[in-house]
Each structure stands twice: as structure tokens, then as C-alpha cells.
N, C-alpha and C. Protein backbone atom coordinates (compact mmCIF):
# COMPACT_ATOMS: atom_id res chain seq x y z
N UNK A 1 0.85 -1.18 0.00
CA UNK A 1 0.00 0.00 0.00
C UNK A 1 0.89 1.24 0.00
N UNK A 2 0.55 2.19 -0.83
CA UNK A 2 1.31 3.44 -0.86
C UNK A 2 0.71 4.41 0.14
N UNK A 3 1.45 5.47 0.42
CA UNK A 3 0.94 6.50 1.32
C UNK A 3 -0.38 7.07 0.83
N UNK A 4 -0.58 7.12 -0.48
CA UNK A 4 -1.81 7.67 -1.02
C UNK A 4 -3.03 6.82 -0.68
N UNK A 5 -2.80 5.55 -0.35
CA UNK A 5 -3.92 4.66 -0.07
C UNK A 5 -4.18 4.50 1.44
N UNK A 6 -3.42 5.15 2.27
CA UNK A 6 -3.67 5.05 3.70
C UNK A 6 -5.01 5.69 4.03
N UNK A 7 -5.80 5.00 4.84
CA UNK A 7 -7.08 5.53 5.25
C UNK A 7 -8.18 5.37 4.21
N UNK A 8 -7.89 4.67 3.11
CA UNK A 8 -8.87 4.47 2.06
C UNK A 8 -9.75 3.28 2.43
N UNK A 9 -11.03 3.40 2.20
CA UNK A 9 -11.98 2.34 2.56
C UNK A 9 -11.78 1.11 1.68
N UNK A 10 -12.27 -0.05 2.14
CA UNK A 10 -12.19 -1.25 1.30
C UNK A 10 -12.88 -1.06 -0.05
N UNK A 11 -13.97 -0.31 -0.07
CA UNK A 11 -14.65 -0.06 -1.35
C UNK A 11 -13.76 0.74 -2.29
N UNK A 12 -13.12 1.77 -1.76
CA UNK A 12 -12.24 2.59 -2.59
C UNK A 12 -11.05 1.77 -3.07
N UNK A 13 -10.53 0.90 -2.21
CA UNK A 13 -9.44 0.02 -2.64
C UNK A 13 -9.89 -0.86 -3.81
N UNK A 14 -11.08 -1.38 -3.73
CA UNK A 14 -11.60 -2.23 -4.82
C UNK A 14 -11.68 -1.45 -6.12
N UNK A 15 -12.17 -0.21 -6.04
CA UNK A 15 -12.27 0.63 -7.23
C UNK A 15 -10.88 0.93 -7.79
N UNK A 16 -9.96 1.32 -6.93
CA UNK A 16 -8.61 1.66 -7.38
C UNK A 16 -7.87 0.44 -7.92
N UNK A 17 -8.06 -0.72 -7.28
CA UNK A 17 -7.43 -1.94 -7.78
C UNK A 17 -7.94 -2.29 -9.17
N UNK A 18 -9.25 -2.19 -9.40
CA UNK A 18 -9.80 -2.47 -10.71
C UNK A 18 -9.30 -1.46 -11.74
N UNK A 19 -9.25 -0.21 -11.35
CA UNK A 19 -8.75 0.83 -12.22
C UNK A 19 -7.31 0.55 -12.62
N UNK A 20 -6.47 0.20 -11.65
CA UNK A 20 -5.07 -0.12 -11.94
C UNK A 20 -4.94 -1.31 -12.89
N UNK A 21 -5.79 -2.30 -12.70
CA UNK A 21 -5.71 -3.52 -13.49
C UNK A 21 -6.27 -3.37 -14.90
N UNK A 22 -7.30 -2.54 -15.07
CA UNK A 22 -8.04 -2.53 -16.33
C UNK A 22 -7.97 -1.25 -17.15
N UNK A 23 -7.56 -0.15 -16.58
CA UNK A 23 -7.67 1.14 -17.26
C UNK A 23 -6.94 1.17 -18.60
N UNK A 24 -5.77 0.58 -18.68
CA UNK A 24 -5.03 0.61 -19.94
C UNK A 24 -5.82 -0.10 -21.04
N UNK A 25 -6.37 -1.24 -20.73
CA UNK A 25 -7.18 -1.97 -21.72
C UNK A 25 -8.45 -1.23 -22.06
N UNK A 26 -9.07 -0.62 -21.07
CA UNK A 26 -10.28 0.16 -21.33
C UNK A 26 -9.96 1.30 -22.29
N UNK A 27 -8.83 1.96 -22.09
CA UNK A 27 -8.46 3.07 -22.95
C UNK A 27 -8.22 2.64 -24.38
N UNK A 28 -7.68 1.42 -24.54
CA UNK A 28 -7.45 0.89 -25.89
C UNK A 28 -8.76 0.48 -26.56
N UNK A 29 -9.73 0.08 -25.77
CA UNK A 29 -10.97 -0.47 -26.31
C UNK A 29 -12.09 0.55 -26.49
N UNK A 30 -12.01 1.67 -25.78
CA UNK A 30 -13.14 2.59 -25.77
C UNK A 30 -12.72 4.04 -25.94
N UNK A 31 -13.55 4.78 -26.65
CA UNK A 31 -13.43 6.24 -26.67
C UNK A 31 -13.96 6.76 -25.33
N UNK A 32 -13.86 8.05 -25.13
CA UNK A 32 -14.44 8.64 -23.92
C UNK A 32 -15.93 8.35 -23.83
N UNK A 33 -16.63 8.54 -24.94
CA UNK A 33 -18.07 8.26 -24.94
C UNK A 33 -18.33 6.78 -24.65
N UNK A 34 -17.53 5.92 -25.21
CA UNK A 34 -17.68 4.49 -24.96
C UNK A 34 -17.44 4.13 -23.51
N UNK A 35 -16.44 4.76 -22.92
CA UNK A 35 -16.15 4.50 -21.51
C UNK A 35 -17.30 4.98 -20.62
N UNK A 36 -17.85 6.13 -20.95
CA UNK A 36 -19.01 6.61 -20.18
C UNK A 36 -20.21 5.67 -20.36
N UNK A 37 -20.39 5.15 -21.56
CA UNK A 37 -21.46 4.18 -21.79
C UNK A 37 -21.24 2.92 -20.96
N UNK A 38 -20.01 2.44 -20.93
CA UNK A 38 -19.71 1.23 -20.14
C UNK A 38 -19.95 1.48 -18.65
N UNK A 39 -19.60 2.66 -18.17
CA UNK A 39 -19.86 3.01 -16.77
C UNK A 39 -21.36 3.01 -16.50
N UNK A 40 -22.11 3.60 -17.43
CA UNK A 40 -23.57 3.64 -17.28
C UNK A 40 -24.16 2.24 -17.27
N UNK A 41 -23.67 1.38 -18.14
CA UNK A 41 -24.18 0.00 -18.19
C UNK A 41 -23.87 -0.76 -16.90
N UNK A 42 -22.66 -0.58 -16.38
CA UNK A 42 -22.31 -1.25 -15.12
C UNK A 42 -23.18 -0.73 -13.98
N UNK A 43 -23.40 0.59 -13.94
CA UNK A 43 -24.27 1.16 -12.90
C UNK A 43 -25.70 0.67 -13.06
N UNK A 44 -26.17 0.59 -14.30
CA UNK A 44 -27.54 0.11 -14.53
C UNK A 44 -27.69 -1.35 -14.11
N UNK A 45 -26.66 -2.14 -14.34
CA UNK A 45 -26.71 -3.54 -13.91
C UNK A 45 -26.77 -3.62 -12.39
N UNK A 46 -25.94 -2.83 -11.71
CA UNK A 46 -25.98 -2.80 -10.25
C UNK A 46 -27.35 -2.38 -9.77
N UNK A 47 -27.91 -1.35 -10.40
CA UNK A 47 -29.23 -0.86 -10.00
C UNK A 47 -30.30 -1.92 -10.23
N UNK A 48 -30.24 -2.57 -11.37
CA UNK A 48 -31.22 -3.62 -11.67
C UNK A 48 -31.16 -4.75 -10.68
N UNK A 49 -29.95 -5.13 -10.29
CA UNK A 49 -29.81 -6.20 -9.30
C UNK A 49 -30.33 -5.74 -7.94
N UNK A 50 -30.17 -4.46 -7.66
CA UNK A 50 -30.66 -3.93 -6.40
C UNK A 50 -32.19 -3.94 -6.36
N UNK A 51 -32.82 -3.46 -7.42
CA UNK A 51 -34.28 -3.37 -7.39
C UNK A 51 -34.95 -4.74 -7.51
N UNK A 52 -34.21 -5.75 -7.99
CA UNK A 52 -34.77 -7.11 -8.03
C UNK A 52 -34.37 -7.91 -6.79
N UNK A 53 -33.81 -7.22 -5.82
CA UNK A 53 -33.51 -7.81 -4.51
C UNK A 53 -32.51 -8.96 -4.58
N UNK A 54 -31.56 -8.84 -5.50
CA UNK A 54 -30.49 -9.83 -5.53
C UNK A 54 -29.53 -9.53 -4.39
N UNK A 55 -28.77 -10.51 -3.96
CA UNK A 55 -27.83 -10.27 -2.85
C UNK A 55 -26.87 -9.12 -3.16
N UNK A 56 -26.63 -8.30 -2.16
CA UNK A 56 -25.75 -7.15 -2.33
C UNK A 56 -24.37 -7.56 -2.84
N UNK A 57 -23.90 -8.72 -2.43
CA UNK A 57 -22.60 -9.19 -2.89
C UNK A 57 -22.57 -9.37 -4.40
N UNK A 58 -23.74 -9.59 -5.01
CA UNK A 58 -23.80 -9.75 -6.47
C UNK A 58 -23.83 -8.42 -7.20
N UNK A 59 -24.29 -7.36 -6.56
CA UNK A 59 -24.31 -6.07 -7.24
C UNK A 59 -23.03 -5.29 -7.02
N UNK A 60 -22.30 -5.59 -5.95
CA UNK A 60 -21.08 -4.84 -5.63
C UNK A 60 -20.08 -4.78 -6.78
N UNK A 61 -19.76 -5.89 -7.46
CA UNK A 61 -18.76 -5.79 -8.54
C UNK A 61 -19.18 -4.83 -9.66
N UNK A 62 -20.46 -4.75 -9.93
CA UNK A 62 -20.93 -3.84 -10.97
C UNK A 62 -20.82 -2.38 -10.52
N UNK A 63 -21.10 -2.13 -9.25
CA UNK A 63 -20.95 -0.78 -8.71
C UNK A 63 -19.47 -0.37 -8.69
N UNK A 64 -18.61 -1.31 -8.33
CA UNK A 64 -17.16 -1.04 -8.34
C UNK A 64 -16.70 -0.72 -9.76
N UNK A 65 -17.16 -1.52 -10.72
CA UNK A 65 -16.78 -1.28 -12.11
C UNK A 65 -17.27 0.08 -12.59
N UNK A 66 -18.50 0.43 -12.27
CA UNK A 66 -19.03 1.73 -12.69
C UNK A 66 -18.18 2.86 -12.13
N UNK A 67 -17.83 2.77 -10.86
CA UNK A 67 -17.01 3.81 -10.24
C UNK A 67 -15.64 3.90 -10.88
N UNK A 68 -15.02 2.75 -11.13
CA UNK A 68 -13.69 2.74 -11.74
C UNK A 68 -13.73 3.32 -13.15
N UNK A 69 -14.76 2.96 -13.92
CA UNK A 69 -14.87 3.47 -15.28
C UNK A 69 -15.13 4.98 -15.29
N UNK A 70 -15.89 5.48 -14.33
CA UNK A 70 -16.11 6.93 -14.25
C UNK A 70 -14.82 7.66 -13.90
N UNK A 71 -14.05 7.11 -12.99
CA UNK A 71 -12.76 7.72 -12.66
C UNK A 71 -11.86 7.73 -13.89
N UNK A 72 -11.84 6.63 -14.63
CA UNK A 72 -11.04 6.56 -15.84
C UNK A 72 -11.51 7.61 -16.85
N UNK A 73 -12.81 7.78 -16.96
CA UNK A 73 -13.35 8.80 -17.88
C UNK A 73 -12.93 10.20 -17.45
N UNK A 74 -12.93 10.46 -16.16
CA UNK A 74 -12.49 11.78 -15.66
C UNK A 74 -11.02 11.99 -16.00
N UNK A 75 -10.21 10.96 -15.84
CA UNK A 75 -8.79 11.10 -16.19
C UNK A 75 -8.63 11.42 -17.68
N UNK A 76 -9.43 10.79 -18.54
CA UNK A 76 -9.38 11.08 -19.97
C UNK A 76 -9.83 12.51 -20.26
N UNK A 77 -10.88 12.95 -19.59
CA UNK A 77 -11.34 14.33 -19.74
C UNK A 77 -10.22 15.29 -19.34
N UNK A 78 -9.57 15.02 -18.21
CA UNK A 78 -8.46 15.87 -17.77
C UNK A 78 -7.35 15.90 -18.80
N UNK A 79 -7.03 14.74 -19.40
CA UNK A 79 -6.00 14.67 -20.41
C UNK A 79 -6.38 15.54 -21.63
N UNK A 80 -7.63 15.45 -22.03
CA UNK A 80 -8.12 16.24 -23.17
C UNK A 80 -8.06 17.74 -22.88
N UNK A 81 -8.46 18.11 -21.68
CA UNK A 81 -8.40 19.53 -21.29
C UNK A 81 -6.95 20.01 -21.31
N UNK A 82 -6.04 19.21 -20.77
CA UNK A 82 -4.62 19.59 -20.75
C UNK A 82 -4.06 19.72 -22.16
N UNK A 83 -4.60 18.93 -23.11
CA UNK A 83 -4.15 18.99 -24.49
C UNK A 83 -4.80 20.15 -25.26
N UNK A 84 -5.67 20.89 -24.60
CA UNK A 84 -6.30 22.05 -25.21
C UNK A 84 -7.59 21.77 -25.93
N UNK A 85 -8.12 20.56 -25.77
CA UNK A 85 -9.40 20.25 -26.41
C UNK A 85 -10.52 20.92 -25.65
N UNK A 86 -11.61 21.20 -26.38
CA UNK A 86 -12.77 21.85 -25.76
C UNK A 86 -13.96 20.96 -25.81
């Protein structure tokens, strides 16, 4: 664990671990719009599992994925802004 991860919740660790493991592949596979769509789909899956009363342990991975994909999208937006895109 790095100093940046001290005091981070288990949920945040899960999000950051997934982001570290998958972000490079996500960037190769998806545009910014595609990444936002994938985040929306993961969140919708988590929501659907929640409203159908599936065990919380089954919806957690989808919520973690949605959060990680949104963070990845924000990083891409920041990169675009730094490059002067509007």
C-alpha cells in the first residue's frame, strides 16, 4: 500500500485496484463516450440487481466497475483539457 492509499476504505481500494488492473485496456478499447457508456451500463446492472432484490454481494462488482470506469473517464477528460481540447 502506498501513502496515497492510507485511510482508504475497502470499497475505494476495490475501485482503485480495478482501475489499476483494467484502465489501460479500457483506454485501448473505448473512446471517452464508450467509456461513459460502459460506466452507465455497469451502474444500470448494479441498479437492476438492487431493485430485483439480488444479494448485495452480487451487485457490488458492478458498482465497483461503474465507479472505476467513471474515474477513468475523468482522467481522460483531464488529459483532453490539458491537451487544449474543448
